[in-house]
Amino acid sequence: MDHDTQTTDAIAEALRPVIEKRAAEKAVLLNRPVVARDARIMEACRAVAHASDRLEAARYGPDEIRWRRDLDRAAAKLARVMRGGRP
């Protein structure tokens, strides 16, 4: 073996535990349950559906603008939750 190969092998061996630890940490993050996020998504979906129902019931009435704004807010919240942000 030449000197460069020996140096490269030594560096790889020295870094192996660090890389394995980081890979294990990432695996834990990727394997955690998404139940909380799913619950937030479903809650946001229900809010959009409820706001849509209220808007439809108030169509052409005095509360239509209020419920339209409520629907806009609920839809924006759903979009944030779907992107993984805070509700």
PDB file of N, CA and C in Angstrom:
ATOM      1  N   MET A   1       0.837  -1.178   0.000  1.00  0.00           N
ATOM      2  CA  MET A   1       0.000   0.000   0.000  1.00  0.00           C
ATOM      3  C   MET A   1       0.886   1.247   0.000  1.00  0.00           C
ATOM      4  N   ASP A   2       0.434   2.234  -0.749  1.00  0.00           N
ATOM      5  CA  ASP A   2       1.205   3.470  -0.751  1.00  0.00           C
ATOM      6  C   ASP A   2       0.787   4.355   0.434  1.00  0.00           C
ATOM      7  N   HIS A   3       1.504   5.405   0.635  1.00  0.00           N
ATOM      8  CA  HIS A   3       1.298   6.289   1.791  1.00  0.00           C
ATOM      9  C   HIS A   3      -0.095   6.938   1.766  1.00  0.00           C
ATOM     10  N   ASP A   4      -0.572   7.377   0.586  1.00  0.00           N
ATOM     11  CA  ASP A   4      -1.882   8.023   0.479  1.00  0.00           C
ATOM     12  C   ASP A   4      -3.007   7.069   0.867  1.00  0.00           C
ATOM     13  N   THR A   5      -2.917   5.827   0.425  1.00  0.00           N
ATOM     14  CA  THR A   5      -3.942   4.836   0.751  1.00  0.00           C
ATOM     15  C   THR A   5      -3.949   4.556   2.253  1.00  0.00           C
ATOM     16  N   GLN A   6      -2.780   4.441   2.846  1.00  0.00           N
ATOM     17  CA  GLN A   6      -2.700   4.203   4.291  1.00  0.00           C
ATOM     18  C   GLN A   6      -3.288   5.385   5.064  1.00  0.00           C
ATOM     19  N   THR A   7      -2.998   6.591   4.632  1.00  0.00           N
ATOM     20  CA  THR A   7      -3.531   7.789   5.292  1.00  0.00           C
ATOM     21  C   THR A   7      -5.048   7.835   5.161  1.00  0.00           C
ATOM     22  N   THR A   8      -5.528   7.554   3.977  1.00  0.00           N
ATOM     23  CA  THR A   8      -6.969   7.558   3.742  1.00  0.00           C
ATOM     24  C   THR A   8      -7.657   6.507   4.594  1.00  0.00           C
ATOM     25  N   ASP A   9      -7.104   5.315   4.673  1.00  0.00           N
ATOM     26  CA  ASP A   9      -7.671   4.251   5.497  1.00  0.00           C
ATOM     27  C   ASP A   9      -7.665   4.632   6.968  1.00  0.00           C
ATOM     28  N   ALA A  10      -6.600   5.273   7.429  1.00  0.00           N
ATOM     29  CA  ALA A  10      -6.511   5.687   8.830  1.00  0.00           C
ATOM     30  C   ALA A  10      -7.568   6.744   9.150  1.00  0.00           C
ATOM     31  N   ILE A  11      -7.758   7.684   8.240  1.00  0.00           N
ATOM     32  CA  ILE A  11      -8.776   8.721   8.443  1.00  0.00           C
ATOM     33  C   ILE A  11     -10.171   8.095   8.455  1.00  0.00           C
ATOM     34  N   ALA A  12     -10.416   7.179   7.521  1.00  0.00           N
ATOM     35  CA  ALA A  12     -11.717   6.510   7.450  1.00  0.00           C
ATOM     36  C   ALA A  12     -12.000   5.745   8.738  1.00  0.00           C
ATOM     37  N   GLU A  13     -11.021   5.044   9.267  1.00  0.00           N
ATOM     38  CA  GLU A  13     -11.191   4.293  10.518  1.00  0.00           C
ATOM     39  C   GLU A  13     -11.447   5.235  11.687  1.00  0.00           C
ATOM     40  N   ALA A  14     -10.753   6.363  11.710  1.00  0.00           N
ATOM     41  CA  ALA A  14     -10.929   7.323  12.796  1.00  0.00           C
ATOM     42  C   ALA A  14     -12.322   7.962  12.754  1.00  0.00           C
ATOM     43  N   LEU A  15     -12.848   8.163  11.557  1.00  0.00           N
ATOM     44  CA  LEU A  15     -14.155   8.804  11.401  1.00  0.00           C
ATOM     45  C   LEU A  15     -15.327   7.828  11.489  1.00  0.00           C
ATOM     46  N   ARG A  16     -15.070   6.556  11.347  1.00  0.00           N
ATOM     47  CA  ARG A  16     -16.147   5.564  11.320  1.00  0.00           C
ATOM     48  C   ARG A  16     -17.098   5.671  12.526  1.00  0.00           C
ATOM     49  N   PRO A  17     -16.603   5.745  13.778  1.00  0.00           N
ATOM     50  CA  PRO A  17     -17.537   5.839  14.912  1.00  0.00           C
ATOM     51  C   PRO A  17     -18.390   7.116  14.873  1.00  0.00           C
ATOM     52  N   VAL A  18     -17.811   8.210  14.449  1.00  0.00           N
ATOM     53  CA  VAL A  18     -18.550   9.470  14.373  1.00  0.00           C
ATOM     54  C   VAL A  18     -19.651   9.370  13.319  1.00  0.00           C
ATOM     55  N   ILE A  19     -19.306   8.829  12.170  1.00  0.00           N
ATOM     56  CA  ILE A  19     -20.282   8.688  11.084  1.00  0.00           C
ATOM     57  C   ILE A  19     -21.396   7.725  11.473  1.00  0.00           C
ATOM     58  N   GLU A  20     -21.041   6.617  12.122  1.00  0.00           N
ATOM     59  CA  GLU A  20     -22.055   5.653  12.546  1.00  0.00           C
ATOM     60  C   GLU A  20     -22.998   6.271  13.576  1.00  0.00           C
ATOM     61  N   LYS A  21     -22.437   7.064  14.501  1.00  0.00           N
ATOM     62  CA  LYS A  21     -23.271   7.724  15.508  1.00  0.00           C
ATOM     63  C   LYS A  21     -24.239   8.703  14.854  1.00  0.00           C
ATOM     64  N   ARG A  22     -23.740   9.514  13.920  1.00  0.00           N
ATOM     65  CA  ARG A  22     -24.603  10.475  13.228  1.00  0.00           C
ATOM     66  C   ARG A  22     -25.687   9.772  12.404  1.00  0.00           C
ATOM     67  N   ALA A  23     -25.326   8.680  11.765  1.00  0.00           N
ATOM     68  CA  ALA A  23     -26.307   7.922  10.981  1.00  0.00           C
ATOM     69  C   ALA A  23     -27.390   7.352  11.891  1.00  0.00           C
ATOM     70  N   ALA A  24     -26.995   6.865  13.063  1.00  0.00           N
ATOM     71  CA  ALA A  24     -27.972   6.326  14.016  1.00  0.00           C
ATOM     72  C   ALA A  24     -28.908   7.431  14.507  1.00  0.00           C
ATOM     73  N   GLU A  25     -28.368   8.627  14.775  1.00  0.00           N
ATOM     74  CA  GLU A  25     -29.203   9.750  15.203  1.00  0.00           C
ATOM     75  C   GLU A  25     -30.211  10.125  14.131  1.00  0.00           C
ATOM     76  N   LYS A  26     -29.759  10.159  12.897  1.00  0.00           N
ATOM     77  CA  LYS A  26     -30.668  10.485  11.784  1.00  0.00           C
ATOM     78  C   LYS A  26     -31.744   9.417  11.628  1.00  0.00           C
ATOM     79  N   ALA A  27     -31.376   8.159  11.804  1.00  0.00           N
ATOM     80  CA  ALA A  27     -32.342   7.072  11.675  1.00  0.00           C
ATOM     81  C   ALA A  27     -33.435   7.205  12.733  1.00  0.00           C
ATOM     82  N   VAL A  28     -33.055   7.589  13.942  1.00  0.00           N
ATOM     83  CA  VAL A  28     -34.044   7.776  15.006  1.00  0.00           C
ATOM     84  C   VAL A  28     -35.012   8.882  14.620  1.00  0.00           C
ATOM     85  N   LEU A  29     -34.502   9.989  14.083  1.00  0.00           N
ATOM     86  CA  LEU A  29     -35.369  11.090  13.669  1.00  0.00           C
ATOM     87  C   LEU A  29     -36.307  10.682  12.548  1.00  0.00           C
ATOM     88  N   LEU A  30     -35.814   9.890  11.627  1.00  0.00           N
ATOM     89  CA  LEU A  30     -36.642   9.469  10.494  1.00  0.00           C
ATOM     90  C   LEU A  30     -37.684   8.444  10.888  1.00  0.00           C
ATOM     91  N   ASN A  31     -37.434   7.684  11.946  1.00  0.00           N
ATOM     92  CA  ASN A  31     -38.347   6.618  12.339  1.00  0.00           C
ATOM     93  C   ASN A  31     -39.330   7.017  13.429  1.00  0.00           C
ATOM     94  N   ARG A  32     -39.296   8.272  13.873  1.00  0.00           N
ATOM     95  CA  ARG A  32     -40.224   8.662  14.938  1.00  0.00           C
ATOM     96  C   ARG A  32     -41.640   8.759  14.373  1.00  0.00           C
ATOM     97  N   PRO A  33     -42.626   8.528  15.205  1.00  0.00           N
ATOM     98  CA  PRO A  33     -44.006   8.542  14.729  1.00  0.00           C
ATOM     99  C   PRO A  33     -44.450   9.952  14.331  1.00  0.00           C
ATOM    100  N   VAL A  34     -45.330   9.995  13.376  1.00  0.00           N
ATOM    101  CA  VAL A  34     -45.840  11.270  12.887  1.00  0.00           C
ATOM    102  C   VAL A  34     -47.279  11.496  13.344  1.00  0.00           C
ATOM    103  N   VAL A  35     -47.647  10.827  14.408  1.00  0.00           N
ATOM    104  CA  VAL A  35     -49.025  10.894  14.904  1.00  0.00           C
ATOM    105  C   VAL A  35     -49.409  12.327  15.252  1.00  0.00           C
ATOM    106  N   ALA A  36     -48.530  13.056  15.930  1.00  0.00           N
ATOM    107  CA  ALA A  36     -48.855  14.427  16.327  1.00  0.00           C
ATOM    108  C   ALA A  36     -49.095  15.299  15.104  1.00  0.00           C
ATOM    109  N   ARG A  37     -48.250  15.151  14.090  1.00  0.00           N
ATOM    110  CA  ARG A  37     -48.433  15.952  12.868  1.00  0.00           C
ATOM    111  C   ARG A  37     -49.726  15.560  12.162  1.00  0.00           C
ATOM    112  N   ASP A  38     -50.008  14.264  12.096  1.00  0.00           N
ATOM    113  CA  ASP A  38     -51.249  13.812  11.475  1.00  0.00           C
ATOM    114  C   ASP A  38     -52.459  14.391  12.198  1.00  0.00           C
ATOM    115  N   ALA A  39     -52.388  14.437  13.517  1.00  0.00           N
ATOM    116  CA  ALA A  39     -53.499  14.983  14.302  1.00  0.00           C
ATOM    117  C   ALA A  39     -53.681  16.470  14.003  1.00  0.00           C
ATOM    118  N   ARG A  40     -52.578  17.217  13.876  1.00  0.00           N
ATOM    119  CA  ARG A  40     -52.678  18.641  13.555  1.00  0.00           C
ATOM    120  C   ARG A  40     -53.237  18.843  12.152  1.00  0.00           C
ATOM    121  N   ILE A  41     -52.844  17.983  11.228  1.00  0.00           N
ATOM    122  CA  ILE A  41     -53.362  18.084   9.862  1.00  0.00           C
ATOM    123  C   ILE A  41     -54.866  17.827   9.852  1.00  0.00           C
ATOM    124  N   MET A  42     -55.296  16.788  10.557  1.00  0.00           N
ATOM    125  CA  MET A  42     -56.725  16.468  10.585  1.00  0.00           C
ATOM    126  C   MET A  42     -57.520  17.569  11.275  1.00  0.00           C
ATOM    127  N   GLU A  43     -56.968  18.142  12.336  1.00  0.00           N
ATOM    128  CA  GLU A  43     -57.644  19.248  13.012  1.00  0.00           C
ATOM    129  C   GLU A  43     -57.792  20.435  12.066  1.00  0.00           C
ATOM    130  N   ALA A  44     -56.743  20.744  11.329  1.00  0.00           N
ATOM    131  CA  ALA A  44     -56.790  21.853  10.380  1.00  0.00           C
ATOM    132  C   ALA A  44     -57.778  21.564   9.251  1.00  0.00           C
ATOM    133  N   CYS A  45     -57.849  20.322   8.798  1.00  0.00           N
ATOM    134  CA  CYS A  45     -58.810  19.940   7.748  1.00  0.00           C
ATOM    135  C   CYS A  45     -60.248  20.116   8.246  1.00  0.00           C
ATOM    136  N   ARG A  46     -60.477  19.695   9.479  1.00  0.00           N
ATOM    137  CA  ARG A  46     -61.824  19.857  10.050  1.00  0.00           C
ATOM    138  C   ARG A  46     -62.190  21.330  10.157  1.00  0.00           C
ATOM    139  N   ALA A  47     -61.221  22.180  10.521  1.00  0.00           N
ATOM    140  CA  ALA A  47     -61.485  23.618  10.628  1.00  0.00           C
ATOM    141  C   ALA A  47     -61.839  24.205   9.269  1.00  0.00           C
ATOM    142  N   VAL A  48     -61.147  23.767   8.224  1.00  0.00           N
ATOM    143  CA  VAL A  48     -61.464  24.236   6.867  1.00  0.00           C
ATOM    144  C   VAL A  48     -62.868  23.784   6.469  1.00  0.00           C
ATOM    145  N   ALA A  49     -63.202  22.545   6.737  1.00  0.00           N
ATOM    146  CA  ALA A  49     -64.531  22.036   6.391  1.00  0.00           C
ATOM    147  C   ALA A  49     -65.620  22.790   7.156  1.00  0.00           C
ATOM    148  N   HIS A  50     -65.390  23.030   8.440  1.00  0.00           N
ATOM    149  CA  HIS A  50     -66.370  23.751   9.256  1.00  0.00           C
ATOM    150  C   HIS A  50     -66.548  25.183   8.743  1.00  0.00           C
ATOM    151  N   ALA A  51     -65.431  25.856   8.442  1.00  0.00           N
ATOM    152  CA  ALA A  51     -65.507  27.222   7.926  1.00  0.00           C
ATOM    153  C   ALA A  51     -66.218  27.255   6.573  1.00  0.00           C
ATOM    154  N   SER A  52     -65.961  26.247   5.755  1.00  0.00           N
ATOM    155  CA  SER A  52     -66.625  26.166   4.450  1.00  0.00           C
ATOM    156  C   SER A  52     -68.131  25.987   4.620  1.00  0.00           C
ATOM    157  N   ASP A  53     -68.519  25.138   5.559  1.00  0.00           N
ATOM    158  CA  ASP A  53     -69.949  24.935   5.828  1.00  0.00           C
ATOM    159  C   ASP A  53     -70.615  26.226   6.306  1.00  0.00           C
ATOM    160  N   ARG A  54     -69.946  26.952   7.206  1.00  0.00           N
ATOM    161  CA  ARG A  54     -70.518  28.205   7.708  1.00  0.00           C
ATOM    162  C   ARG A  54     -70.646  29.229   6.585  1.00  0.00           C
ATOM    163  N   LEU A  55     -69.630  29.279   5.714  1.00  0.00           N
ATOM    164  CA  LEU A  55     -69.693  30.216   4.604  1.00  0.00           C
ATOM    165  C   LEU A  55     -70.858  29.868   3.681  1.00  0.00           C
ATOM    166  N   GLU A  56     -71.017  28.605   3.393  1.00  0.00           N
ATOM    167  CA  GLU A  56     -72.109  28.182   2.508  1.00  0.00           C
ATOM    168  C   GLU A  56     -73.464  28.520   3.124  1.00  0.00           C
ATOM    169  N   ALA A  57     -73.601  28.351   4.429  1.00  0.00           N
ATOM    170  CA  ALA A  57     -74.861  28.657   5.104  1.00  0.00           C
ATOM    171  C   ALA A  57     -75.128  30.165   5.124  1.00  0.00           C
ATOM    172  N   ALA A  58     -74.074  30.959   5.140  1.00  0.00           N
ATOM    173  CA  ALA A  58     -74.235  32.412   5.224  1.00  0.00           C
ATOM    174  C   ALA A  58     -74.191  33.091   3.860  1.00  0.00           C
ATOM    175  N   ARG A  59     -74.163  32.329   2.795  1.00  0.00           N
ATOM    176  CA  ARG A  59     -74.032  32.876   1.452  1.00  0.00           C
ATOM    177  C   ARG A  59     -75.065  33.974   1.218  1.00  0.00           C
ATOM    178  N   TYR A  60     -74.581  35.114   0.733  1.00  0.00           N
ATOM    179  CA  TYR A  60     -75.393  36.287   0.410  1.00  0.00           C
ATOM    180  C   TYR A  60     -76.044  36.916   1.638  1.00  0.00           C
ATOM    181  N   GLY A  61     -75.589  36.541   2.820  1.00  0.00           N
ATOM    182  CA  GLY A  61     -76.126  37.137   4.048  1.00  0.00           C
ATOM    183  C   GLY A  61     -75.133  38.115   4.648  1.00  0.00           C
ATOM    184  N   PRO A  62     -75.508  38.706   5.760  1.00  0.00           N
ATOM    185  CA  PRO A  62     -74.646  39.717   6.377  1.00  0.00           C
ATOM    186  C   PRO A  62     -73.338  39.141   6.948  1.00  0.00           C
ATOM    187  N   ASP A  63     -73.307  37.871   7.246  1.00  0.00           N
ATOM    188  CA  ASP A  63     -72.109  37.262   7.832  1.00  0.00           C
ATOM    189  C   ASP A  63     -71.180  36.634   6.794  1.00  0.00           C
ATOM    190  N   GLU A  64     -71.506  36.772   5.518  1.00  0.00           N
ATOM    191  CA  GLU A  64     -70.705  36.094   4.494  1.00  0.00           C
ATOM    192  C   GLU A  64     -69.232  36.541   4.514  1.00  0.00           C
ATOM    193  N   ILE A  65     -68.988  37.814   4.624  1.00  0.00           N
ATOM    194  CA  ILE A  65     -67.598  38.300   4.614  1.00  0.00           C
ATOM    195  C   ILE A  65     -66.832  37.745   5.810  1.00  0.00           C
ATOM    196  N   ARG A  66     -67.464  37.760   6.961  1.00  0.00           N
ATOM    197  CA  ARG A  66     -66.825  37.228   8.178  1.00  0.00           C
ATOM    198  C   ARG A  66     -66.444  35.766   8.000  1.00  0.00           C
ATOM    199  N   TRP A  67     -67.356  34.958   7.484  1.00  0.00           N
ATOM    200  CA  TRP A  67     -67.071  33.522   7.325  1.00  0.00           C
ATOM    201  C   TRP A  67     -66.088  33.271   6.186  1.00  0.00           C
ATOM    202  N   ARG A  68     -66.077  34.134   5.183  1.00  0.00           N
ATOM    203  CA  ARG A  68     -65.099  33.995   4.101  1.00  0.00           C
ATOM    204  C   ARG A  68     -63.686  34.239   4.653  1.00  0.00           C
ATOM    205  N   ARG A  69     -63.549  35.251   5.507  1.00  0.00           N
ATOM    206  CA  ARG A  69     -62.251  35.510   6.150  1.00  0.00           C
ATOM    207  C   ARG A  69     -61.851  34.339   7.045  1.00  0.00           C
ATOM    208  N   ASP A  70     -62.807  33.792   7.764  1.00  0.00           N
ATOM    209  CA  ASP A  70     -62.541  32.643   8.622  1.00  0.00           C
ATOM    210  C   ASP A  70     -62.056  31.455   7.790  1.00  0.00           C
ATOM    211  N   LEU A  71     -62.683  31.254   6.641  1.00  0.00           N
ATOM    212  CA  LEU A  71     -62.260  30.176   5.744  1.00  0.00           C
ATOM    213  C   LEU A  71     -60.847  30.438   5.226  1.00  0.00           C
ATOM    214  N   ASP A  72     -60.544  31.665   4.873  1.00  0.00           N
ATOM    215  CA  ASP A  72     -59.193  32.007   4.407  1.00  0.00           C
ATOM    216  C   ASP A  72     -58.152  31.711   5.489  1.00  0.00           C
ATOM    217  N   ARG A  73     -58.451  32.082   6.717  1.00  0.00           N
ATOM    218  CA  ARG A  73     -57.519  31.817   7.827  1.00  0.00           C
ATOM    219  C   ARG A  73     -57.343  30.321   8.050  1.00  0.00           C
ATOM    220  N   ALA A  74     -58.439  29.584   8.014  1.00  0.00           N
ATOM    221  CA  ALA A  74     -58.363  28.135   8.224  1.00  0.00           C
ATOM    222  C   ALA A  74     -57.565  27.465   7.107  1.00  0.00           C
ATOM    223  N   ALA A  75     -57.746  27.920   5.882  1.00  0.00           N
ATOM    224  CA  ALA A  75     -57.002  27.352   4.760  1.00  0.00           C
ATOM    225  C   ALA A  75     -55.515  27.680   4.870  1.00  0.00           C
ATOM    226  N   ALA A  76     -55.190  28.896   5.299  1.00  0.00           N
ATOM    227  CA  ALA A  76     -53.784  29.274   5.480  1.00  0.00           C
ATOM    228  C   ALA A  76     -53.138  28.436   6.582  1.00  0.00           C
ATOM    229  N   LYS A  77     -53.883  28.189   7.657  1.00  0.00           N
ATOM    230  CA  LYS A  77     -53.363  27.357   8.751  1.00  0.00           C
ATOM    231  C   LYS A  77     -53.120  25.938   8.258  1.00  0.00           C
ATOM    232  N   LEU A  78     -54.051  25.410   7.490  1.00  0.00           N
ATOM    233  CA  LEU A  78     -53.880  24.066   6.943  1.00  0.00           C
ATOM    234  C   LEU A  78     -52.634  24.008   6.058  1.00  0.00           C
ATOM    235  N   ALA A  79     -52.429  25.028   5.249  1.00  0.00           N
ATOM    236  CA  ALA A  79     -51.244  25.053   4.378  1.00  0.00           C
ATOM    237  C   ALA A  79     -49.958  25.041   5.217  1.00  0.00           C
ATOM    238  N   ARG A  80     -49.932  25.821   6.308  1.00  0.00           N
ATOM    239  CA  ARG A  80     -48.753  25.840   7.174  1.00  0.00           C
ATOM    240  C   ARG A  80     -48.507  24.479   7.800  1.00  0.00           C
ATOM    241  N   VAL A  81     -49.556  23.850   8.281  1.00  0.00           N
ATOM    242  CA  VAL A  81     -49.416  22.528   8.915  1.00  0.00           C
ATOM    243  C   VAL A  81     -48.958  21.501   7.902  1.00  0.00           C
ATOM    244  N   MET A  82     -49.486  21.564   6.693  1.00  0.00           N
ATOM    245  CA  MET A  82     -49.083  20.609   5.652  1.00  0.00           C
ATOM    246  C   MET A  82     -47.612  20.778   5.273  1.00  0.00           C
ATOM    247  N   ARG A  83     -47.122  22.005   5.350  1.00  0.00           N
ATOM    248  CA  ARG A  83     -45.698  22.246   5.062  1.00  0.00           C
ATOM    249  C   ARG A  83     -44.818  21.879   6.249  1.00  0.00           C
ATOM    250  N   GLY A  84     -45.431  21.496   7.365  1.00  0.00           N
ATOM    251  CA  GLY A  84     -44.650  21.079   8.530  1.00  0.00           C
ATOM    252  C   GLY A  84     -44.400  22.192   9.524  1.00  0.00           C
ATOM    253  N   GLY A  85     -44.996  23.343   9.334  1.00  0.00           N
ATOM    254  CA  GLY A  85     -44.797  24.458  10.254  1.00  0.00           C
ATOM    255  C   GLY A  85     -45.764  24.406  11.413  1.00  0.00           C
ATOM    256  N   ARG A  86     -45.668  25.398  12.245  1.00  0.00           N
ATOM    257  CA  ARG A  86     -46.556  25.512  13.401  1.00  0.00           C
ATOM    258  C   ARG A  86     -47.932  25.960  12.937  1.00  0.00           C
ATOM    259  N   PRO A  87     -48.972  25.494  13.601  1.00  0.00           N
ATOM    260  CA  PRO A  87     -50.329  25.885  13.235  1.00  0.00           C
ATOM    261  C   PRO A  87     -50.666  27.321  13.496  1.00  0.00           C
TER     262      PRO A  87
END
